[in-house]
C-alpha atoms as a PDB file:
ATOM      1  CA  MET A   1       0.000   0.000   0.000  1.00  0.00           C
ATOM      2  CA  THR A   2       1.300   3.437  -0.964  1.00  0.00           C
ATOM      3  CA  ILE A   3       1.508   5.825   1.988  1.00  0.00           C
ATOM      4  CA  ARG A   4       0.754   9.459   1.213  1.00  0.00           C
ATOM      5  CA  PRO A   5       1.859  11.469   4.264  1.00  0.00           C
ATOM      6  CA  ARG A   6      -0.218  14.448   5.303  1.00  0.00           C
ATOM      7  CA  ILE A   7      -0.081  17.219   7.861  1.00  0.00           C
ATOM      8  CA  SER A   8      -2.969  16.881  10.306  1.00  0.00           C
ATOM      9  CA  GLY A   9      -2.085  19.563  12.834  1.00  0.00           C
ATOM     10  CA  PHE A  10      -0.266  22.904  12.921  1.00  0.00           C
ATOM     11  CA  SER A  11       0.612  25.093  15.889  1.00  0.00           C
ATOM     12  CA  GLY A  12       1.206  28.485  14.384  1.00  0.00           C
ATOM     13  CA  GLU A  13       3.920  30.660  15.892  1.00  0.00           C
ATOM     14  CA  ILE A  14       4.701  30.211  19.599  1.00  0.00           C
ATOM     15  CA  ALA A  15       6.574  33.209  20.986  1.00  0.00           C
ATOM     16  CA  ALA A  16       9.713  32.714  23.049  1.00  0.00           C
ATOM     17  CA  SER A  17       9.154  35.878  25.075  1.00  0.00           C
ATOM     18  CA  PRO A  18       7.495  35.640  27.450  1.00  0.00           C
ATOM     19  CA  LEU A  19       8.130  31.931  27.809  1.00  0.00           C
ATOM     20  CA  PRO A  20       4.985  29.781  27.685  1.00  0.00           C
ATOM     21  CA  GLU A  21       3.774  28.252  30.923  1.00  0.00           C
ATOM     22  CA  TRP A  22       4.706  24.663  31.666  1.00  0.00           C
ATOM     23  CA  PRO A  23       1.674  22.372  31.248  1.00  0.00           C
ATOM     24  CA  ALA A  24       0.423  20.845  34.469  1.00  0.00           C
ATOM     25  CA  PHE A  25       1.357  17.262  33.513  1.00  0.00           C
ATOM     26  CA  VAL A  26       5.110  18.066  33.361  1.00  0.00           C
ATOM     27  CA  ALA A  27       6.766  17.075  36.642  1.00  0.00           C
ATOM     28  CA  LEU A  28       8.574  19.695  38.703  1.00  0.00           C
ATOM     29  CA  GLY A  29      11.873  17.867  38.300  1.00  0.00           C
ATOM     30  CA  ALA A  30      11.561  17.963  34.521  1.00  0.00           C
ATOM     31  CA  ARG A  31      10.742  21.649  34.620  1.00  0.00           C
ATOM     32  CA  ARG A  32      13.979  22.322  36.496  1.00  0.00           C
ATOM     33  CA  ARG A  33      16.069  20.233  34.085  1.00  0.00           C
ATOM     34  CA  HIS A  34      14.718  21.372  30.725  1.00  0.00           C
ATOM     35  CA  ASP A  35      15.713  24.720  29.299  1.00  0.00           C
ATOM     36  CA  PRO A  36      13.795  27.494  27.453  1.00  0.00           C
ATOM     37  CA  LEU A  37      14.300  25.932  23.999  1.00  0.00           C
ATOM     38  CA  SER A  38      12.680  22.660  25.094  1.00  0.00           C
ATOM     39  CA  ARG A  39       9.924  24.599  26.842  1.00  0.00           C
ATOM     40  CA  VAL A  40       9.006  26.574  23.708  1.00  0.00           C
ATOM     41  CA  ALA A  41       9.300  23.463  21.508  1.00  0.00           C
ATOM     42  CA  LEU A  42       6.930  21.578  23.821  1.00  0.00           C
ATOM     43  CA  ALA A  43       4.383  24.404  23.710  1.00  0.00           C
ATOM     44  CA  ALA A  44       4.414  24.276  19.901  1.00  0.00           C
ATOM     45  CA  ALA A  45       4.082  20.484  19.881  1.00  0.00           C
ATOM     46  CA  LEU A  46       1.076  20.596  22.200  1.00  0.00           C
ATOM     47  CA  ALA A  47      -0.580  23.335  20.139  1.00  0.00           C
ATOM     48  CA  ALA A  48      -0.196  21.130  17.048  1.00  0.00           C
ATOM     49  CA  GLY A  49      -2.038  18.271  18.748  1.00  0.00           C
ATOM     50  CA  ALA A  50       0.857  16.059  19.846  1.00  0.00           C
ATOM     51  CA  LYS A  51      -0.949  15.343  23.118  1.00  0.00           C
ATOM     52  CA  GLY A  52      -4.697  15.372  23.506  1.00  0.00           C
ATOM     53  CA  GLY A  53      -5.432  15.222  19.784  1.00  0.00           C
ATOM     54  CA  ASP A  54      -6.034  17.881  17.146  1.00  0.00           C
ATOM     55  CA  GLU A  55      -8.761  19.693  15.246  1.00  0.00           C
ATOM     56  CA  ASN A  56      -9.237  16.757  12.864  1.00  0.00           C
ATOM     57  CA  GLY A  57     -10.340  14.418  15.635  1.00  0.00           C
ATOM     58  CA  TYR A  58      -7.061  12.524  15.987  1.00  0.00           C
ATOM     59  CA  GLN A  59      -6.002  11.200  19.350  1.00  0.00           C
ATOM     60  CA  GLU A  60      -2.567  12.102  20.676  1.00  0.00           C
ATOM     61  CA  LEU A  61       0.481  10.761  18.873  1.00  0.00           C
ATOM     62  CA  PRO A  62       1.172   7.010  19.109  1.00  0.00           C
ATOM     63  CA  ALA A  63       4.156   6.109  21.281  1.00  0.00           C
ATOM     64  CA  ASP A  64       6.185   4.924  18.269  1.00  0.00           C
ATOM     65  CA  SER A  65       5.894   8.283  16.476  1.00  0.00           C
ATOM     66  CA  ALA A  66       9.011   9.984  15.153  1.00  0.00           C
ATOM     67  CA  VAL A  67      10.374  13.354  16.295  1.00  0.00           C
ATOM     68  CA  ALA A  68      12.329  15.890  14.223  1.00  0.00           C
ATOM     69  CA  VAL A  69      13.571  19.213  15.578  1.00  0.00           C
ATOM     70  CA  ALA A  70      15.009  21.964  13.389  1.00  0.00           C
ATOM     71  CA  THR A  71      17.137  24.448  15.315  1.00  0.00           C
ATOM     72  CA  SER A  72      19.916  26.671  14.021  1.00  0.00           C
ATOM     73  CA  TYR A  73      21.418  27.812  17.314  1.00  0.00           C
ATOM     74  CA  GLY A  74      20.462  25.039  19.714  1.00  0.00           C
ATOM     75  CA  SER A  75      20.129  25.919  23.363  1.00  0.00           C
ATOM     76  CA  VAL A  76      22.036  29.164  23.589  1.00  0.00           C
ATOM     77  CA  VAL A  77      20.932  29.656  27.200  1.00  0.00           C
ATOM     78  CA  SER A  78      22.355  26.315  28.388  1.00  0.00           C
ATOM     79  CA  THR A  79      25.505  26.654  26.269  1.00  0.00           C
ATOM     80  CA  LEU A  80      26.321  30.024  27.831  1.00  0.00           C
ATOM     81  CA  ARG A  81      25.562  28.721  31.334  1.00  0.00           C
ATOM     82  CA  PHE A  82      27.919  25.784  30.765  1.00  0.00           C
ATOM     83  CA  ALA A  83      30.654  28.024  29.333  1.00  0.00           C
ATOM     84  CA  ASP A  84      30.291  30.401  32.290  1.00  0.00           C
ATOM     85  CA  SER A  85      30.719  27.508  34.743  1.00  0.00           C
ATOM     86  CA  ILE A  86      34.002  26.563  33.050  1.00  0.00           C
ATOM     87  CA  THR A  87      35.164  30.172  33.171  1.00  0.00           C
ATOM     88  CA  GLN A  88      34.397  30.420  36.884  1.00  0.00           C
ATOM     89  CA  PHE A  89      35.465  26.975  38.132  1.00  0.00           C
ATOM     90  CA  GLY A  90      37.670  25.440  35.418  1.00  0.00           C
ATOM     91  CA  ASP A  91      37.151  22.212  33.487  1.00  0.00           C
ATOM     92  CA  SER A  92      36.920  20.071  36.612  1.00  0.00           C
ATOM     93  CA  GLY A  93      34.261  22.341  38.115  1.00  0.00           C
ATOM     94  CA  ALA A  94      32.036  22.684  35.068  1.00  0.00           C
ATOM     95  CA  SER A  95      28.355  22.241  35.879  1.00  0.00           C
ATOM     96  CA  PRO A  96      26.799  19.081  34.401  1.00  0.00           C
ATOM     97  CA  THR A  97      23.276  20.506  34.632  1.00  0.00           C
ATOM     98  CA  PRO A  98      23.472  22.982  31.733  1.00  0.00           C
ATOM     99  CA  PHE A  99      25.752  20.616  29.782  1.00  0.00           C
ATOM    100  CA  THR A 100      22.987  18.033  29.383  1.00  0.00           C
ATOM    101  CA  THR A 101      20.739  20.591  27.688  1.00  0.00           C
ATOM    102  CA  SER A 102      23.482  22.446  25.785  1.00  0.00           C
ATOM    103  CA  VAL A 103      23.778  19.794  23.050  1.00  0.00           C
ATOM    104  CA  HIS A 104      21.694  20.431  19.923  1.00  0.00           C
ATOM    105  CA  HIS A 105      19.706  17.210  20.316  1.00  0.00           C
ATOM    106  CA  ALA A 106      18.506  18.042  23.836  1.00  0.00           C
ATOM    107  CA  ALA A 107      15.160  19.538  22.751  1.00  0.00           C
ATOM    108  CA  ALA A 108      14.272  16.489  20.654  1.00  0.00           C
ATOM    109  CA  GLY A 109      15.154  14.241  23.588  1.00  0.00           C
ATOM    110  CA  ALA A 110      13.028  16.360  25.922  1.00  0.00           C
ATOM    111  CA  LEU A 111      10.023  16.104  23.592  1.00  0.00           C
ATOM    112  CA  GLY A 112      10.401  12.335  23.415  1.00  0.00           C
ATOM    113  CA  GLU A 113      10.698  12.057  27.198  1.00  0.00           C
ATOM    114  CA  ILE A 114       7.820  14.374  28.097  1.00  0.00           C
ATOM    115  CA  LEU A 115       5.407  13.167  25.396  1.00  0.00           C
ATOM    116  CA  GLY A 116       6.352   9.489  25.702  1.00  0.00           C
ATOM    117  CA  LEU A 117       7.511   9.161  22.077  1.00  0.00           C
ATOM    118  CA  HIS A 118      10.191   6.588  21.266  1.00  0.00           C
ATOM    119  CA  GLY A 119      10.196   6.355  17.460  1.00  0.00           C
ATOM    120  CA  PRO A 120      13.053   7.537  15.192  1.00  0.00           C
ATOM    121  CA  THR A 121      14.376  10.905  16.340  1.00  0.00           C
ATOM    122  CA  THR A 122      16.671  13.488  14.761  1.00  0.00           C
ATOM    123  CA  THR A 123      17.811  17.079  15.091  1.00  0.00           C
ATOM    124  CA  ILE A 124      18.578  19.095  11.972  1.00  0.00           C
ATOM    125  CA  SER A 125      20.663  22.263  11.944  1.00  0.00           C
ATOM    126  CA  GLN A 126      20.777  23.540   8.369  1.00  0.00           C
ATOM    127  CA  GLY A 127      20.219  27.257   8.724  1.00  0.00           C
ATOM    128  CA  GLY A 128      17.688  28.616   6.259  1.00  0.00           C
ATOM    129  CA  THR A 129      16.668  25.167   4.985  1.00  0.00           C
ATOM    130  CA  GLY A 130      16.257  23.626   8.439  1.00  0.00           C
ATOM    131  CA  ALA A 131      12.475  23.624   8.772  1.00  0.00           C
ATOM    132  CA  LEU A 132      11.779  21.984   5.398  1.00  0.00           C
ATOM    133  CA  SER A 133      14.697  19.561   5.813  1.00  0.00           C
ATOM    134  CA  ALA A 134      13.138  18.345   9.068  1.00  0.00           C
ATOM    135  CA  LEU A 135       9.744  18.110   7.374  1.00  0.00           C
ATOM    136  CA  ARG A 136      11.303  16.194   4.483  1.00  0.00           C
ATOM    137  CA  TRP A 137      12.908  13.736   6.941  1.00  0.00           C
ATOM    138  CA  ALA A 138       9.535  13.233   8.626  1.00  0.00           C
ATOM    139  CA  TRP A 139       7.894  12.640   5.239  1.00  0.00           C
ATOM    140  CA  MET A 140      10.445   9.927   4.397  1.00  0.00           C
ATOM    141  CA  VAL A 141      10.109   8.193   7.777  1.00  0.00           C
ATOM    142  CA  VAL A 142       6.308   8.098   7.558  1.00  0.00           C
ATOM    143  CA  ALA A 143       6.232   7.201   3.832  1.00  0.00           C
ATOM    144  CA  ALA A 144       8.627   4.311   4.465  1.00  0.00           C
ATOM    145  CA  GLY A 145       6.410   2.945   7.240  1.00  0.00           C
ATOM    146  CA  ARG A 146       9.082   3.495   9.897  1.00  0.00           C
ATOM    147  CA  ALA A 147       6.603   5.391  12.079  1.00  0.00           C
ATOM    148  CA  PRO A 148       2.827   5.955  11.993  1.00  0.00           C
ATOM    149  CA  ALA A 149       3.292   9.688  12.549  1.00  0.00           C
ATOM    150  CA  ALA A 150       5.978  12.286  13.087  1.00  0.00           C
ATOM    151  CA  LEU A 151       6.197  15.454  15.135  1.00  0.00           C
ATOM    152  CA  VAL A 152       8.193  18.240  13.464  1.00  0.00           C
ATOM    153  CA  VAL A 153       9.214  21.289  15.502  1.00  0.00           C
ATOM    154  CA  ALA A 154      11.233  24.279  14.300  1.00  0.00           C
ATOM    155  CA  ALA A 155      12.504  26.337  17.247  1.00  0.00           C
ATOM    156  CA  ASP A 156      15.173  28.795  18.311  1.00  0.00           C
ATOM    157  CA  VAL A 157      15.455  30.905  21.467  1.00  0.00           C
ATOM    158  CA  HIS A 158      17.903  33.809  21.774  1.00  0.00           C
ATOM    159  CA  THR A 159      19.665  35.548  24.597  1.00  0.00           C
ATOM    160  CA  ASP A 160      20.427  39.249  24.282  1.00  0.00           C
ATOM    161  CA  TRP A 161      24.009  38.335  23.370  1.00  0.00           C
ATOM    162  CA  SER A 162      23.133  35.810  20.672  1.00  0.00           C
ATOM    163  CA  ARG A 163      20.506  38.111  19.175  1.00  0.00           C
ATOM    164  CA  SER A 164      23.034  40.927  18.845  1.00  0.00           C
ATOM    165  CA  MET A 165      25.622  38.561  17.330  1.00  0.00           C
ATOM    166  CA  VAL A 166      23.173  37.226  14.738  1.00  0.00           C
ATOM    167  CA  GLU A 167      22.085  40.764  13.934  1.00  0.00           C
ATOM    168  CA  ARG A 168      25.677  41.700  13.124  1.00  0.00           C
ATOM    169  CA  LEU A 169      26.516  38.541  11.189  1.00  0.00           C
ATOM    170  CA  ALA A 170      23.334  37.651   9.303  1.00  0.00           C
ATOM    171  CA  GLY A 171      22.790  40.842   7.363  1.00  0.00           C
ATOM    172  CA  SER A 172      19.034  40.354   7.619  1.00  0.00           C
ATOM    173  CA  PRO A 173      16.873  43.277   6.456  1.00  0.00           C
ATOM    174  CA  TRP A 174      14.344  42.235   9.135  1.00  0.00           C
ATOM    175  CA  PRO A 175      14.691  42.350  12.940  1.00  0.00           C
ATOM    176  CA  ILE A 176      16.172  39.189  14.455  1.00  0.00           C
ATOM    177  CA  GLY A 177      13.507  37.047  16.109  1.00  0.00           C
ATOM    178  CA  ASP A 178      12.956  33.630  17.632  1.00  0.00           C
ATOM    179  CA  GLY A 179      10.120  31.284  18.529  1.00  0.00           C
ATOM    180  CA  ALA A 180       8.725  27.921  17.526  1.00  0.00           C
ATOM    181  CA  ALA A 181       6.172  26.221  15.308  1.00  0.00           C
ATOM    182  CA  ALA A 182       5.170  22.579  14.902  1.00  0.00           C
ATOM    183  CA  VAL A 183       3.300  20.260  12.564  1.00  0.00           C
ATOM    184  CA  VAL A 184       2.123  16.671  12.935  1.00  0.00           C
ATOM    185  CA  VAL A 185       2.678  14.410   9.914  1.00  0.00           C
ATOM    186  CA  ARG A 186       0.527  11.272   9.690  1.00  0.00           C
ATOM    187  CA  ALA A 187       0.389   8.347   7.298  1.00  0.00           C
ATOM    188  CA  SER A 188      -3.274   8.870   6.400  1.00  0.00           C
ATOM    189  CA  GLY A 189      -6.481  10.643   7.308  1.00  0.00           C
ATOM    190  CA  PRO A 190      -7.692  14.247   7.075  1.00  0.00           C
ATOM    191  CA  GLY A 191      -5.334  17.159   6.637  1.00  0.00           C
ATOM    192  CA  ARG A 192      -3.065  18.509   3.910  1.00  0.00           C
ATOM    193  CA  GLU A 193      -1.269  16.063   1.648  1.00  0.00           C
ATOM    194  CA  LEU A 194       2.495  16.563   1.804  1.00  0.00           C
ATOM    195  CA  ARG A 195       4.731  16.132  -1.258  1.00  0.00           C
ATOM    196  CA  LEU A 196       8.407  16.655  -1.978  1.00  0.00           C
ATOM    197  CA  GLY A 197       9.460  19.101  -4.685  1.00  0.00           C
ATOM    198  CA  SER A 198       7.501  21.690  -6.634  1.00  0.00           C
ATOM    199  CA  HIS A 199       3.849  21.426  -7.736  1.00  0.00           C
ATOM    200  CA  PRO A 200       1.121  23.898  -8.804  1.00  0.00           C
ATOM    201  CA  ALA A 201      -0.205  25.939  -5.888  1.00  0.00           C
ATOM    202  CA  GLN A 202      -2.288  28.988  -5.062  1.00  0.00           C
ATOM    203  CA  VAL A 203       0.124  30.281  -2.387  1.00  0.00           C
ATOM    204  CA  PHE A 204       3.918  30.520  -2.579  1.00  0.00           C
ATOM    205  CA  LEU A 205       5.630  30.741   0.847  1.00  0.00           C
ATOM    206  CA  ASP A 206       9.241  31.940   0.749  1.00  0.00           C
ATOM    207  CA  GLY A 207      11.647  31.635   3.664  1.00  0.00           C
ATOM    208  CA  GLY A 208      13.052  35.103   3.038  1.00  0.00           C
ATOM    209  CA  ASP A 209      16.643  34.399   1.910  1.00  0.00           C
ATOM    210  CA  VAL A 210      17.416  37.664   0.103  1.00  0.00           C
ATOM    211  CA  ARG A 211      20.492  36.138  -1.583  1.00  0.00           C
ATOM    212  CA  ALA A 212      18.505  33.419  -3.350  1.00  0.00           C
ATOM    213  CA  PRO A 213      17.296  33.771  -6.946  1.00  0.00           C
ATOM    214  CA  ASP A 214      13.672  34.763  -7.285  1.00  0.00           C
ATOM    215  CA  ALA A 215      11.465  31.700  -7.774  1.00  0.00           C
ATOM    216  CA  TRP A 216       7.963  33.109  -7.599  1.00  0.00           C
ATOM    217  CA  ARG A 217       5.986  31.290 -10.274  1.00  0.00           C
ATOM    218  CA  GLY A 218       2.674  31.839 -12.015  1.00  0.00           C
ATOM    219  CA  ASP A 219      -0.267  33.577 -10.396  1.00  0.00           C
ATOM    220  CA  ALA A 220       0.365  32.283  -6.872  1.00  0.00           C
ATOM    221  CA  THR A 221      -0.022  34.706  -3.980  1.00  0.00           C
ATOM    222  CA  ARG A 222       3.438  35.235  -2.535  1.00  0.00           C
ATOM    223  CA  VAL A 223       3.993  35.170   1.233  1.00  0.00           C
ATOM    224  CA  VAL A 224       7.464  36.064   2.560  1.00  0.00           C
ATOM    225  CA  ALA A 225       7.855  34.481   5.985  1.00  0.00           C
ATOM    226  CA  PRO A 226       9.764  37.244   7.844  1.00  0.00           C
ATOM    227  CA  GLU A 227       7.483  39.914   6.381  1.00  0.00           C
ATOM    228  CA  ARG A 228       4.448  38.012   7.677  1.00  0.00           C
ATOM    229  CA  LEU A 229       6.052  37.570  11.122  1.00  0.00           C
ATOM    230  CA  GLY A 230       7.726  40.967  11.351  1.00  0.00           C
ATOM    231  CA  ARG A 231      11.121  39.381  12.094  1.00  0.00           C
ATOM    232  CA  TRP A 232      13.495  36.717  10.803  1.00  0.00           C
ATOM    233  CA  TRP A 233      15.333  33.671  12.102  1.00  0.00           C
ATOM    234  CA  PRO A 234      16.661  30.775   9.983  1.00  0.00           C
ATOM    235  CA  CYS A 235      13.804  28.333  10.731  1.00  0.00           C
ATOM    236  CA  CYS A 236      10.988  30.909  10.715  1.00  0.00           C
ATOM    237  CA  THR A 237       9.309  29.595   7.533  1.00  0.00           C
ATOM    238  CA  LEU A 238       7.187  27.027   9.358  1.00  0.00           C
ATOM    239  CA  ALA A 239       5.964  29.677  11.811  1.00  0.00           C
ATOM    240  CA  ALA A 240       4.628  31.771   8.902  1.00  0.00           C
ATOM    241  CA  LEU A 241       2.718  28.939   7.217  1.00  0.00           C
ATOM    242  CA  PRO A 242      -0.687  30.289   6.036  1.00  0.00           C
ATOM    243  CA  TRP A 243      -2.426  27.203   7.397  1.00  0.00           C
ATOM    244  CA  SER A 244      -5.999  28.434   7.095  1.00  0.00           C
ATOM    245  CA  THR A 245      -5.849  29.087   3.343  1.00  0.00           C
ATOM    246  CA  ASP A 246      -8.046  26.758   1.292  1.00  0.00           C
ATOM    247  CA  GLY A 247      -5.749  26.147  -1.671  1.00  0.00           C
ATOM    248  CA  ALA A 248      -2.459  24.313  -2.091  1.00  0.00           C
ATOM    249  CA  ILE A 249       0.724  25.882  -0.682  1.00  0.00           C
ATOM    250  CA  GLN A 250       4.208  25.687  -2.195  1.00  0.00           C
ATOM    251  CA  VAL A 251       6.962  26.259   0.390  1.00  0.00           C
ATOM    252  CA  ARG A 252      10.563  27.124  -0.467  1.00  0.00           C
ATOM    253  CA  GLU A 253      13.671  27.605   1.685  1.00  0.00           C
ATOM    254  CA  CYS A 254      17.194  28.520   0.573  1.00  0.00           C
ATOM    255  CA  GLU A 255      20.638  28.521   2.158  1.00  0.00           C
ATOM    256  CA  ARG A 256      23.793  29.430   0.216  1.00  0.00           C
ATOM    257  CA  GLY A 257      22.370  28.294  -3.111  1.00  0.00           C
ATOM    258  CA  THR A 258      20.745  25.128  -1.757  1.00  0.00           C
ATOM    259  CA  VAL A 259      16.993  25.055  -2.335  1.00  0.00           C
ATOM    260  CA  VAL A 260      14.488  22.804  -0.547  1.00  0.00           C
ATOM    261  CA  GLU A 261      10.855  22.775  -1.675  1.00  0.00           C
ATOM    262  CA  MET A 262       7.734  21.030  -0.435  1.00  0.00           C
ATOM    263  CA  TRP A 263       4.062  21.177  -1.369  1.00  0.00           C
ATOM    264  CA  LEU A 264       1.036  21.119   0.917  1.00  0.00           C
ATOM    265  CA  GLY A 265      -2.224  20.220  -0.780  1.00  0.00           C
ATOM    266  CA  PRO A 266      -5.679  21.593  -0.051  1.00  0.00           C
ATOM    267  CA  PHE A 267      -7.482  20.325   3.046  1.00  0.00           C
ATOM    268  CA  VAL A 268      -8.856  16.798   2.641  1.00  0.00           C
ATOM    269  CA  ALA A 269     -11.550  15.500   4.983  1.00  0.00           C
END
């Protein structure tokens, strides 16, 4: 049987400031261990229907669902805390608490732990193509029958220092932002069909890479992600997804000449 993956749930943008409240079911110990990036990623996952179901009537994700997190900067907060502990106390006195959440894969691990998901899991850090690369990975895992569903989260959380550094280095014409968004990819059922590559669509969503060649095609309505959000970060495309539109959506991300494209079909009951 041919599996045609589809997106059944979408969170929209979850702001990183102020940080979302921890849901009541998360234990106090977990709240102390997990950092702001995991906290924002979890809020996006829950808003997309990862626990408690979604607007299409699905129940929460099966335990063998996959998890993919796209993050360009990882946990800046924990990385700086760990580096500060080395500066103050030396290598032998470095704090293990921020180290465990400073690695890029920490947010994906936190989502698996908190939501009880133990399917294939990955973290993708590919700058401006990160969100669609994670979505593409989820599509392949579900299409291959490796998992019945996949949770995809794109998230970054800045500190004042990292925001100022990115502002100086990125050359973005938009203010530097952060936040999270999530989608749930399922093997079947209602939602938007998900395809790799380019196909006819009524809406063209662009990630906002100003160095990329223009690829707006036909009569599609163009949506530029950072213009819609009012700010830019490398994985912001997913946060700007015009989910409520009725027609098909073509999504494009670019990074240093590399182009990733995916197509979301109209809603199917």
